[in-house]
């Protein structure tokens, strides 16, 4: 069966931003290879301006976010949906709901609408109370007006199922194993193998970047700390100013070169993962794929992925203690050995693409009152 699939809700592919863009890239390319017709919507000012990418059709829509801020996302989603109504899609996959669910009355009537529900956006501390209240409302709209739902975390699935009485499909993100080439480590940041710590995240409070760097600043280590992520937002500027006096800390900005990120992750002494809101984070899976020693923020989302195969922190003091103890050599263990097994058996992109495809076909057949294909992770769909 060949499906006409439209993917909305991202800034576009190839990825120059974050998690959903990465999903859109791997998923669209994988679905094309399986014979489906796939369209991805890109912001009009995305760096990639071609109309095709690896067989995926690209539609650029006007995105005024660069002019008016967050409100521009609503206009961008509106423009994407208006175009999608003309495309005769079988499946409309919405990655996230924050700025698209208010336009539910514009969803194409002949398309099966599947929403990937993202994390619990209303928990993000960067939002004011009124915005958090709106996000809860947007979540409710997305549940109500989507035909089917996907969660990338078992914790998010449990929350949605219990709160709304739905049966959300669990399909996590994936990661690609590049191979362990520690002997080939090269970088332009003046780093030595195992002589630096690393984190990769958006500069947002709930990613605990400040907490991690506070702990590092108070430690006695001589190692460097590399921060990968765009610091041009308000919180990013604040962090750069706060820690500018510590010459051990390097804000490297956004890095989208996969090989460079792979080497930096693989050769780090500790990879810090501070994400505390949301589901299965792509950067965490990639760190696992590179067999990095991971220190993760202590929360259910991270533990659902890592289980006992990481060390955890809750505050700056935990981070300081962890870093100082690494110097004594009594923290690193064999926990990293199970990472690759998890990536191969649970979180690889080939499996994820197959699960998305099977779920989409099942949803489409259900919409036509035909017998669905059952999904490998959950058979009660």
Protein backbone atom coordinates (compact mmCIF):
# COMPACT_ATOMS: atom_id res chain seq x y z
CA UNK A 1 0.00 0.00 0.00
CA UNK A 2 1.29 3.42 -0.97
CA UNK A 3 0.23 6.37 1.19
CA UNK A 4 0.32 10.09 0.47
CA UNK A 5 1.77 11.50 3.68
CA UNK A 6 2.15 15.11 4.80
CA UNK A 7 4.41 15.98 7.76
CA UNK A 8 3.77 19.29 9.53
CA UNK A 9 4.88 20.94 12.75
CA UNK A 10 8.63 21.38 12.21
CA UNK A 11 10.82 24.16 10.94
CA UNK A 12 11.87 21.79 8.19
CA UNK A 13 14.44 19.35 6.90
CA UNK A 14 17.32 18.71 6.81
CA UNK A 15 17.56 19.34 10.54
CA UNK A 16 18.84 22.75 11.59
CA UNK A 17 16.94 23.04 14.85
CA UNK A 18 15.95 20.14 17.09
CA UNK A 19 14.23 16.85 17.87
CA UNK A 20 11.13 16.95 15.70
CA UNK A 21 13.16 18.16 12.73
CA UNK A 22 15.42 15.16 13.19
CA UNK A 23 12.42 12.84 13.34
CA UNK A 24 10.97 14.41 10.20
CA UNK A 25 14.25 13.89 8.35
CA UNK A 26 14.79 10.23 9.22
CA UNK A 27 11.10 9.34 8.97
CA UNK A 28 10.39 11.03 5.64
CA UNK A 29 13.49 9.57 4.00
CA UNK A 30 12.67 6.11 5.38
CA UNK A 31 9.06 6.25 4.20
CA UNK A 32 10.19 7.32 0.72
CA UNK A 33 12.48 4.28 0.61
CA UNK A 34 9.46 2.14 1.45
CA UNK A 35 7.59 3.50 -1.57
CA UNK A 36 5.34 6.14 -0.02
CA UNK A 37 4.75 9.66 -1.31
CA UNK A 38 5.96 12.08 1.39
CA UNK A 39 5.78 15.86 1.73
CA UNK A 40 7.45 17.83 4.53
CA UNK A 41 6.61 21.46 5.27
CA UNK A 42 9.56 23.82 5.72
CA UNK A 43 9.77 27.39 6.93
CA UNK A 44 10.26 29.77 4.00
CA UNK A 45 13.58 30.92 5.51
CA UNK A 46 14.98 27.44 6.13
CA UNK A 47 18.61 27.16 4.93
CA UNK A 48 17.62 24.37 2.52
CA UNK A 49 15.66 25.98 -0.31
CA UNK A 50 15.32 23.08 -2.77
CA UNK A 51 11.94 21.50 -3.56
CA UNK A 52 13.16 17.91 -3.12
CA UNK A 53 15.38 16.25 -0.50
CA UNK A 54 16.26 12.54 -0.82
CA UNK A 55 13.03 11.98 -2.72
CA UNK A 56 10.94 13.91 -0.18
CA UNK A 57 8.84 16.77 -1.53
CA UNK A 58 9.52 20.05 0.30
CA UNK A 59 6.87 22.78 0.56
CA UNK A 60 8.09 26.11 1.88
CA UNK A 61 5.48 28.19 3.72
CA UNK A 62 5.76 31.73 5.01
CA UNK A 63 6.97 31.80 8.62
CA UNK A 64 6.96 35.21 10.35
CA UNK A 65 8.49 33.95 13.62
CA UNK A 66 11.74 35.76 12.83
CA UNK A 67 9.77 39.02 12.76
CA UNK A 68 7.20 38.69 15.54
CA UNK A 69 8.54 35.91 17.77
CA UNK A 70 6.57 32.93 19.07
CA UNK A 71 3.26 34.20 17.68
CA UNK A 72 4.71 33.62 14.23
CA UNK A 73 4.53 29.86 14.81
CA UNK A 74 0.73 30.06 14.76
CA UNK A 75 0.79 31.89 11.44
CA UNK A 76 3.28 29.38 10.03
CA UNK A 77 1.11 26.40 11.04
CA UNK A 78 -1.93 28.16 9.58
CA UNK A 79 -0.13 28.59 6.25
CA UNK A 80 0.98 24.96 6.24
CA UNK A 81 -2.53 23.67 6.91
CA UNK A 82 -4.06 25.87 4.23
CA UNK A 83 -1.63 24.35 1.72
CA UNK A 84 -2.19 20.81 3.05
CA UNK A 85 -5.92 21.12 2.35
CA UNK A 86 -5.05 21.21 -1.36
CA UNK A 87 -2.76 18.18 -1.38
CA UNK A 88 -5.13 15.23 -1.02
CA UNK A 89 -3.06 13.53 1.70
CA UNK A 90 -4.06 10.13 3.06
CA UNK A 91 -2.15 10.80 6.30
CA UNK A 92 -1.42 14.12 7.97
CA UNK A 93 1.26 13.68 10.65
CA UNK A 94 1.46 16.61 13.07
CA UNK A 95 4.71 16.70 15.03
CA UNK A 96 3.69 18.58 18.17
CA UNK A 97 0.50 20.47 18.92
CA UNK A 98 1.52 23.76 20.55
CA UNK A 99 0.63 26.06 17.65
CA UNK A 100 -1.35 23.76 15.36
CA UNK A 101 -4.22 22.44 17.47
CA UNK A 102 -6.06 25.80 17.52
CA UNK A 103 -6.47 25.36 13.76
CA UNK A 104 -8.22 22.00 14.15
CA UNK A 105 -11.16 23.22 12.03
CA UNK A 106 -8.69 23.51 9.10
CA UNK A 107 -7.53 19.90 9.26
CA UNK A 108 -8.20 18.28 5.85
CA UNK A 109 -11.41 16.28 6.20
CA UNK A 110 -10.29 13.45 3.92
CA UNK A 111 -6.95 12.89 5.66
CA UNK A 112 -6.33 10.76 8.73
CA UNK A 113 -4.82 13.13 11.30
CA UNK A 114 -2.16 11.64 13.57
CA UNK A 115 -0.59 13.82 16.25
CA UNK A 116 2.74 13.14 17.91
CA UNK A 117 1.92 14.69 21.27
CA UNK A 118 5.44 15.80 22.20
CA UNK A 119 6.26 16.29 25.88
CA UNK A 120 4.18 17.98 28.54
CA UNK A 121 4.72 21.45 27.10
CA UNK A 122 2.70 23.17 29.79
CA UNK A 123 5.29 22.10 32.37
CA UNK A 124 8.08 24.12 30.77
CA UNK A 125 9.22 26.81 33.18
CA UNK A 126 10.12 29.21 30.36
CA UNK A 127 6.40 29.82 29.88
CA UNK A 128 4.33 32.19 31.99
CA UNK A 129 1.26 30.92 33.87
CA UNK A 130 -1.17 32.18 31.18
CA UNK A 131 0.87 30.47 28.46
CA UNK A 132 1.03 27.24 30.46
CA UNK A 133 -2.76 27.38 30.81
CA UNK A 134 -3.10 27.85 27.06
CA UNK A 135 -0.78 24.90 26.39
CA UNK A 136 -2.95 22.64 28.52
CA UNK A 137 -5.91 23.76 26.44
CA UNK A 138 -3.96 23.15 23.21
CA UNK A 139 -3.10 19.65 24.42
CA UNK A 140 -6.79 18.97 25.00
CA UNK A 141 -7.66 20.24 21.50
CA UNK A 142 -4.97 18.05 19.92
CA UNK A 143 -6.30 14.96 21.67
CA UNK A 144 -9.89 15.72 20.76
CA UNK A 145 -9.44 16.63 17.11
CA UNK A 146 -6.77 14.12 16.05
CA UNK A 147 -7.89 10.73 14.82
CA UNK A 148 -4.90 8.95 16.38
CA UNK A 149 -2.09 9.84 18.77
CA UNK A 150 1.59 8.98 19.21
CA UNK A 151 3.78 9.43 22.29
CA UNK A 152 7.56 9.11 22.14
CA UNK A 153 7.80 8.12 25.81
CA UNK A 154 6.05 5.45 27.86
CA UNK A 155 5.63 8.09 30.59
CA UNK A 156 3.85 10.47 28.19
CA UNK A 157 1.69 7.59 26.94
CA UNK A 158 0.64 6.72 30.48
CA UNK A 159 -0.23 10.34 31.22
CA UNK A 160 -2.31 10.81 28.03
CA UNK A 161 -4.11 7.48 28.37
CA UNK A 162 -5.06 8.16 31.97
CA UNK A 163 -6.02 11.81 31.55
CA UNK A 164 -7.98 11.54 28.31
CA UNK A 165 -9.05 7.91 28.18
CA UNK A 166 -7.30 7.27 24.87
CA UNK A 167 -4.97 4.52 23.74
CA UNK A 168 -1.95 6.48 22.59
CA UNK A 169 0.64 4.67 20.49
CA UNK A 170 4.16 4.54 21.90
CA UNK A 171 6.82 5.03 19.23
CA UNK A 172 10.11 6.52 20.50
CA UNK A 173 12.80 8.36 18.61
CA UNK A 174 15.71 6.47 17.12
CA UNK A 175 19.47 6.82 16.89
CA UNK A 176 22.06 5.85 14.33
CA UNK A 177 25.17 3.91 15.27
CA UNK A 178 28.08 5.54 13.49
CA UNK A 179 30.79 3.26 14.86
CA UNK A 180 33.29 3.76 17.61
CA UNK A 181 36.42 5.39 16.13
CA UNK A 182 38.08 6.84 19.20
CA UNK A 183 41.52 6.64 17.60
CA UNK A 184 40.38 9.05 14.87
CA UNK A 185 39.22 11.78 17.25
CA UNK A 186 39.71 15.21 15.70
CA UNK A 187 38.25 18.54 16.74
CA UNK A 188 38.79 22.26 16.32
CA UNK A 189 38.11 23.16 19.96
CA UNK A 190 41.52 22.26 21.37
CA UNK A 191 40.19 19.23 23.25
CA UNK A 192 41.93 16.02 24.24
CA UNK A 193 40.39 12.58 24.50
CA UNK A 194 38.46 12.15 27.80
CA UNK A 195 39.64 15.56 29.02
CA UNK A 196 36.32 17.40 28.79
CA UNK A 197 32.67 17.14 29.78
CA UNK A 198 29.83 17.70 27.32
CA UNK A 199 26.17 18.62 27.13
CA UNK A 200 23.94 19.28 24.12
CA UNK A 201 20.62 21.05 24.60
CA UNK A 202 18.49 24.04 23.81
CA UNK A 203 19.19 26.88 26.20
CA UNK A 204 16.04 26.56 28.30
CA UNK A 205 15.69 26.42 32.11
CA UNK A 206 14.09 22.98 32.19
CA UNK A 207 17.15 21.49 30.49
CA UNK A 208 19.15 22.25 33.65
CA UNK A 209 22.11 23.74 31.79
CA UNK A 210 22.59 26.32 34.54
CA UNK A 211 22.41 23.67 37.27
CA UNK A 212 25.04 21.55 35.51
CA UNK A 213 27.38 24.47 34.90
CA UNK A 214 26.95 25.68 38.50
CA UNK A 215 28.11 22.28 39.69
CA UNK A 216 30.99 22.24 37.25
CA UNK A 217 32.11 25.75 38.22
CA UNK A 218 32.29 24.71 41.87
CA UNK A 219 34.30 21.57 41.10
CA UNK A 220 38.07 21.25 41.32
CA UNK A 221 38.58 19.72 37.88
CA UNK A 222 40.99 21.12 35.28
CA UNK A 223 38.97 19.59 32.46
CA UNK A 224 36.95 21.72 30.06
CA UNK A 225 33.17 21.76 29.70
CA UNK A 226 31.74 22.01 26.16
CA UNK A 227 28.17 23.25 25.72
CA UNK A 228 26.55 22.55 22.34
CA UNK A 229 23.44 24.61 21.66
CA UNK A 230 22.31 27.96 20.30
CA UNK A 231 22.90 30.66 22.93
CA UNK A 232 21.32 33.53 21.01
CA UNK A 233 18.05 33.48 22.96
CA UNK A 234 17.49 35.37 26.23
CA UNK A 235 18.39 32.47 28.52
CA UNK A 236 21.40 31.55 26.39
CA UNK A 237 22.75 35.10 26.62
CA UNK A 238 22.25 35.00 30.38
CA UNK A 239 24.25 31.76 30.68
CA UNK A 240 27.13 33.06 28.55
CA UNK A 241 27.39 36.19 30.71
CA UNK A 242 27.09 34.28 33.99
CA UNK A 243 29.90 31.84 33.20
CA UNK A 244 32.17 34.02 31.05
CA UNK A 245 34.76 34.27 33.83
CA UNK A 246 35.31 30.49 33.87
CA UNK A 247 37.71 29.84 31.00
CA UNK A 248 37.13 26.09 31.33
CA UNK A 249 33.60 26.49 29.87
CA UNK A 250 33.26 26.60 26.08
CA UNK A 251 29.94 27.57 24.48
CA UNK A 252 30.35 25.98 21.06
CA UNK A 253 26.98 27.02 19.61
CA UNK A 254 24.82 24.75 17.45
CA UNK A 255 26.60 21.93 15.64
CA UNK A 256 24.68 19.97 12.98
CA UNK A 257 27.62 18.07 11.53
CA UNK A 258 26.83 14.49 12.59
CA UNK A 259 30.41 13.26 12.49
CA UNK A 260 31.65 16.14 14.62
CA UNK A 261 28.93 15.63 17.23
CA UNK A 262 29.63 11.90 17.19
CA UNK A 263 33.32 12.39 17.95
CA UNK A 264 32.71 15.00 20.63
CA UNK A 265 30.20 12.74 22.37
CA UNK A 266 32.19 9.55 22.06
CA UNK A 267 35.37 11.07 23.46
CA UNK A 268 33.86 13.02 26.36
CA UNK A 269 34.59 12.08 29.95
CA UNK A 270 30.92 12.48 30.91
CA UNK A 271 27.95 13.39 28.74
CA UNK A 272 25.49 15.42 30.83
CA UNK A 273 21.81 15.15 29.93
CA UNK A 274 19.77 17.70 31.85
CA UNK A 275 16.41 17.46 30.08
CA UNK A 276 13.60 17.26 32.64
CA UNK A 277 10.42 17.82 30.61
CA UNK A 278 9.33 15.79 27.63
CA UNK A 279 9.75 12.31 26.33
CA UNK A 280 12.52 10.33 24.66
CA UNK A 281 15.15 12.89 23.71
CA UNK A 282 17.15 12.34 20.47
CA UNK A 283 20.41 13.70 21.86
CA UNK A 284 20.23 11.21 24.73
CA UNK A 285 19.76 8.29 22.33
CA UNK A 286 22.67 9.50 20.22
CA UNK A 287 24.88 9.66 23.30
CA UNK A 288 23.90 6.07 24.06
CA UNK A 289 24.71 5.07 20.47
CA UNK A 290 28.19 6.52 20.94
CA UNK A 291 28.69 4.57 24.21
CA UNK A 292 29.15 7.76 26.21
CA UNK A 293 29.19 7.65 29.98
CA UNK A 294 25.95 9.49 30.81
CA UNK A 295 24.98 11.57 33.80
CA UNK A 296 21.26 12.33 33.50
CA UNK A 297 18.84 14.49 35.42
CA UNK A 298 16.87 12.30 37.84
CA UNK A 299 13.35 12.15 36.39
CA UNK A 300 10.97 9.45 35.06
CA UNK A 301 11.54 10.32 31.38
CA UNK A 302 15.28 9.75 31.50
CA UNK A 303 15.01 6.70 33.76
CA UNK A 304 12.49 5.09 31.39
CA UNK A 305 15.22 5.08 28.73
CA UNK A 306 18.41 4.63 30.76
CA UNK A 307 17.21 2.56 33.72
CA UNK A 308 20.30 1.62 35.72
CA UNK A 309 22.74 2.31 32.89
CA UNK A 310 23.60 5.87 33.92
CA UNK A 311 24.36 7.96 36.95
CA UNK A 312 21.84 10.60 38.00
CA UNK A 313 21.87 14.10 39.49
CA UNK A 314 19.20 16.39 40.92
CA UNK A 315 21.09 19.59 41.73
CA UNK A 316 24.40 21.43 41.36
CA UNK A 317 25.89 19.74 44.41
CA UNK A 318 25.27 16.32 42.83
CA UNK A 319 27.04 17.51 39.67
CA UNK A 320 30.00 18.89 41.64
CA UNK A 321 30.38 15.65 43.58
CA UNK A 322 30.14 13.58 40.42
CA UNK A 323 32.77 15.60 38.59
CA UNK A 324 35.19 15.56 41.51
CA UNK A 325 34.77 11.81 41.97
CA UNK A 326 35.51 11.19 38.30
CA UNK A 327 38.93 12.66 38.94
CA UNK A 328 39.47 9.91 41.51
CA UNK A 329 38.37 7.27 39.04
CA UNK A 330 35.65 5.75 41.20
CA UNK A 331 32.53 6.64 39.18
CA UNK A 332 32.98 5.27 35.67
CA UNK A 333 31.63 1.75 35.39
CA UNK A 334 30.58 -0.71 32.74
CA UNK A 335 27.12 0.89 32.49
CA UNK A 336 27.79 2.05 28.94
CA UNK A 337 28.03 -1.51 27.63
CA UNK A 338 24.26 -1.97 27.44
CA UNK A 339 23.67 1.26 25.50
CA UNK A 340 24.31 -0.25 22.08
CA UNK A 341 22.04 -3.21 22.84
CA UNK A 342 19.20 -0.81 23.62
CA UNK A 343 19.81 1.21 20.47
CA UNK A 344 19.86 -1.93 18.33
CA UNK A 345 16.78 -3.51 19.92
CA UNK A 346 14.59 -0.55 20.88
CA UNK A 347 15.74 2.73 19.42
CA UNK A 348 17.12 2.22 15.92
CA UNK A 349 15.72 4.30 13.06
CA UNK A 350 14.94 1.35 10.78
CA UNK A 351 12.67 -0.09 13.46
CA UNK A 352 11.12 3.31 14.20
CA UNK A 353 10.33 3.96 10.53
CA UNK A 354 8.77 0.50 10.20
CA UNK A 355 6.62 1.13 13.28
CA UNK A 356 5.46 4.51 11.96
CA UNK A 357 4.65 2.98 8.60
CA UNK A 358 2.72 0.08 10.10
CA UNK A 359 0.82 2.40 12.42
CA UNK A 360 -0.05 4.78 9.59
CA UNK A 361 -1.31 1.94 7.41
CA UNK A 362 -3.37 0.60 10.34
CA UNK A 363 -4.86 4.04 10.98
CA UNK A 364 -5.69 4.48 7.30
CA UNK A 365 -7.35 1.07 7.08
CA UNK A 366 -9.34 1.79 10.23
CA UNK A 367 -10.60 5.01 8.67
CA UNK A 368 -11.86 2.93 5.74
CA UNK A 369 -13.44 0.39 8.11
CA UNK A 370 -10.97 -2.24 7.01
CA UNK A 371 -9.03 -4.64 9.23
CA UNK A 372 -5.99 -2.85 10.71
CA UNK A 373 -2.46 -4.15 10.97
CA UNK A 374 -1.44 -4.59 14.58
CA UNK A 375 1.51 -2.71 15.92
CA UNK A 376 4.46 -4.63 17.39
CA UNK A 377 4.78 -2.61 20.62
CA UNK A 378 1.07 -2.54 21.48
CA UNK A 379 -1.48 -4.94 20.06
CA UNK A 380 -4.63 -3.25 21.40
CA UNK A 381 -4.82 -0.53 18.80
